[in-house]
Amino acid sequence: MDYNKFIEDYLSRGLIKKQPIGFDQINSFITQSKQELKDCNNILDISAKVAYSSAYTAMLYAARALMLLAGYRPLGVNQHKTVIEFVGVCAGDEYRDLTKKFDVMRKKRNLLMYEPWEVNVSPADSRNAVNTAAEFIEFIIVKIKKDNPQDEFEF
């Protein structure tokens, strides 16, 4: 689905709404994303599950920054899924694998939160999640700066 059709469809279904662009909020989301990623690296050897969840959260902050920069925010249930789908449309085919990893992490993190007995997170899973988060956050930062070269960001 192309970007304009996605926006039209998600607006009509009440999954997103227009949101004034707040550059201070975008800066805050990216700053928090980077801090969360740093924290992930610090806890990798302490708790694989916490590091995994934290890597996902870092990605979500960055993704929400991208969505906010476009002038939208998610609504209702399944907001995380909506944010990931938005990123998938914005990122295009070149970053399809990265977006799929984000969605897989969403599902696993959901199990960790609501049915922890159903999922195992190994140290390797956590390291992979942190590496994916680092790649994803860098992609979002580059995209934001590339798409908005006239704006001053603090990240």
Protein backbone atom coordinates (compact mmCIF):
# COMPACT_ATOMS: atom_id res chain seq x y z
CA MET A 1 0.00 0.00 0.00
CA ASP A 2 1.39 3.41 -0.85
CA TYR A 3 1.76 6.12 1.80
CA ASN A 4 -1.24 8.26 0.82
CA LYS A 5 -3.60 5.28 0.67
CA PHE A 6 -2.28 4.07 4.01
CA ILE A 7 -2.93 7.45 5.64
CA GLU A 8 -6.40 7.75 4.13
CA ASP A 9 -7.31 4.21 5.19
CA TYR A 10 -5.96 4.48 8.74
CA LEU A 11 -7.57 7.91 9.27
CA SER A 12 -10.94 6.61 8.10
CA ARG A 13 -10.67 3.55 10.37
CA GLY A 14 -9.75 5.70 13.37
CA LEU A 15 -6.35 4.06 13.81
CA ILE A 16 -4.43 7.32 13.50
CA LYS A 17 -5.21 10.98 13.86
CA LYS A 18 -3.53 14.20 12.78
CA GLN A 19 -1.20 15.62 15.37
CA PRO A 20 0.59 18.96 15.23
CA ILE A 21 4.31 18.47 14.73
CA GLY A 22 6.24 19.23 17.90
CA PHE A 23 9.96 19.23 17.30
CA ASP A 24 10.59 19.19 21.04
CA GLN A 25 8.57 15.96 21.25
CA ILE A 26 10.48 14.44 18.33
CA ASN A 27 13.77 15.33 19.99
CA SER A 28 12.52 13.82 23.25
CA PHE A 29 11.45 10.57 21.58
CA ILE A 30 14.81 10.15 19.83
CA THR A 31 16.77 11.11 22.95
CA GLN A 32 14.76 8.59 24.98
CA SER A 33 15.24 5.98 22.27
CA LYS A 34 19.01 6.40 22.39
CA GLN A 35 19.04 6.31 26.20
CA GLU A 36 16.91 3.16 26.22
CA LEU A 37 19.34 1.53 23.78
CA LYS A 38 22.27 2.48 25.99
CA ASP A 39 20.45 0.96 28.98
CA CYS A 40 19.86 -2.24 26.98
CA ASN A 41 23.58 -2.67 26.49
CA ASN A 42 24.17 -2.15 30.19
CA ILE A 43 21.72 -4.88 31.24
CA LEU A 44 22.40 -7.48 28.55
CA ASP A 45 24.38 -9.68 30.92
CA ILE A 46 21.98 -9.15 33.81
CA SER A 47 18.58 -9.97 32.30
CA ALA A 48 17.97 -11.20 28.78
CA LYS A 49 14.22 -10.61 29.05
CA VAL A 50 14.52 -7.05 30.33
CA ALA A 51 17.14 -6.21 27.69
CA TYR A 52 14.90 -7.62 24.97
CA SER A 53 11.87 -5.62 26.12
CA SER A 54 13.98 -2.52 26.46
CA ALA A 55 15.36 -2.90 22.92
CA TYR A 56 11.82 -3.08 21.61
CA THR A 57 10.84 0.02 23.61
CA ALA A 58 13.82 1.91 22.18
CA MET A 59 12.60 1.07 18.67
CA LEU A 60 9.06 2.13 19.52
CA TYR A 61 10.23 5.56 20.73
CA ALA A 62 12.12 6.12 17.47
CA ALA A 63 9.18 4.91 15.38
CA ARG A 64 6.79 7.23 17.21
CA ALA A 65 9.15 10.13 16.49
CA LEU A 66 8.95 9.35 12.77
CA MET A 67 5.17 9.14 12.91
CA LEU A 68 4.91 12.39 14.84
CA LEU A 69 7.17 14.12 12.36
CA ALA A 70 4.72 13.12 9.62
CA GLY A 71 1.96 14.77 11.66
CA TYR A 72 0.16 11.68 12.98
CA ARG A 73 -0.22 9.61 16.11
CA PRO A 74 -1.79 6.20 16.69
CA LEU A 75 -5.21 5.76 18.32
CA GLY A 76 -7.15 3.01 20.01
CA VAL A 77 -6.09 -0.54 20.59
CA ASN A 78 -3.08 -2.03 18.84
CA GLN A 79 -1.19 1.26 18.77
CA HIS A 80 2.17 -0.48 18.64
CA LYS A 81 1.09 -2.47 15.59
CA THR A 82 -0.19 0.70 13.91
CA VAL A 83 3.15 2.44 14.51
CA ILE A 84 5.04 -0.50 13.00
CA GLU A 85 2.76 -0.59 9.97
CA PHE A 86 3.28 3.16 9.52
CA VAL A 87 7.05 2.70 9.61
CA GLY A 88 6.76 -0.13 7.09
CA VAL A 89 4.98 2.15 4.64
CA CYS A 90 7.46 4.99 5.21
CA ALA A 91 10.54 2.79 5.07
CA GLY A 92 9.65 1.03 1.86
CA ASP A 93 11.00 -2.20 0.45
CA GLU A 94 14.62 -1.41 1.27
CA TYR A 95 13.91 -1.74 4.99
CA ARG A 96 11.21 -4.42 4.83
CA ASP A 97 13.34 -6.96 6.74
CA LEU A 98 14.08 -4.47 9.50
CA THR A 99 10.40 -3.60 9.82
CA LYS A 100 9.52 -7.32 9.96
CA LYS A 101 12.05 -7.80 12.76
CA PHE A 102 10.41 -4.92 14.63
CA ASP A 103 7.04 -6.64 14.32
CA VAL A 104 8.43 -9.99 15.46
CA MET A 105 9.93 -8.21 18.46
CA ARG A 106 6.53 -6.61 19.17
CA LYS A 107 4.86 -10.01 19.31
CA LYS A 108 7.55 -11.54 21.50
CA ARG A 109 7.60 -8.54 23.82
CA ASN A 110 3.82 -8.82 24.10
CA LEU A 111 4.17 -12.42 25.24
CA LEU A 112 6.84 -11.36 27.73
CA MET A 113 4.43 -8.83 29.20
CA TYR A 114 1.23 -10.86 29.27
CA GLU A 115 2.21 -14.54 29.07
CA PRO A 116 5.84 -14.81 30.19
CA TRP A 117 5.56 -18.56 30.70
CA GLU A 118 4.99 -18.91 26.94
CA VAL A 119 8.32 -17.47 25.80
CA ASN A 120 12.00 -17.92 26.37
CA VAL A 121 14.52 -15.19 25.64
CA SER A 122 18.09 -16.35 25.38
CA PRO A 123 21.13 -14.10 25.76
CA ALA A 124 21.61 -14.44 21.98
CA ASP A 125 18.00 -13.30 21.39
CA SER A 126 18.67 -10.23 23.51
CA ARG A 127 21.92 -9.40 21.73
CA ASN A 128 20.17 -9.73 18.38
CA ALA A 129 17.33 -7.50 19.61
CA VAL A 130 19.77 -4.83 20.78
CA ASN A 131 21.64 -4.97 17.46
CA THR A 132 18.35 -4.72 15.55
CA ALA A 133 17.30 -1.77 17.72
CA ALA A 134 20.59 0.03 17.06
CA GLU A 135 20.21 -0.47 13.31
CA PHE A 136 16.57 0.62 13.41
CA ILE A 137 17.20 3.75 15.47
CA GLU A 138 20.04 4.79 13.19
CA PHE A 139 17.77 4.28 10.17
CA ILE A 140 15.07 6.47 11.77
CA ILE A 141 17.54 9.23 12.69
CA VAL A 142 19.02 9.29 9.19
CA LYS A 143 15.53 9.31 7.64
CA ILE A 144 14.33 12.14 9.85
CA LYS A 145 17.37 14.28 9.08
CA LYS A 146 17.31 13.44 5.36
CA ASP A 147 13.61 14.20 4.98
CA ASN A 148 13.90 17.42 7.00
CA PRO A 149 17.33 18.94 6.32
CA GLN A 150 16.09 22.43 7.14
CA ASP A 151 15.14 21.51 10.71
CA GLU A 152 17.51 21.59 13.66
CA PHE A 153 17.42 18.48 15.79
CA GLU A 154 19.27 17.93 19.05
CA PHE A 155 19.99 14.25 18.54
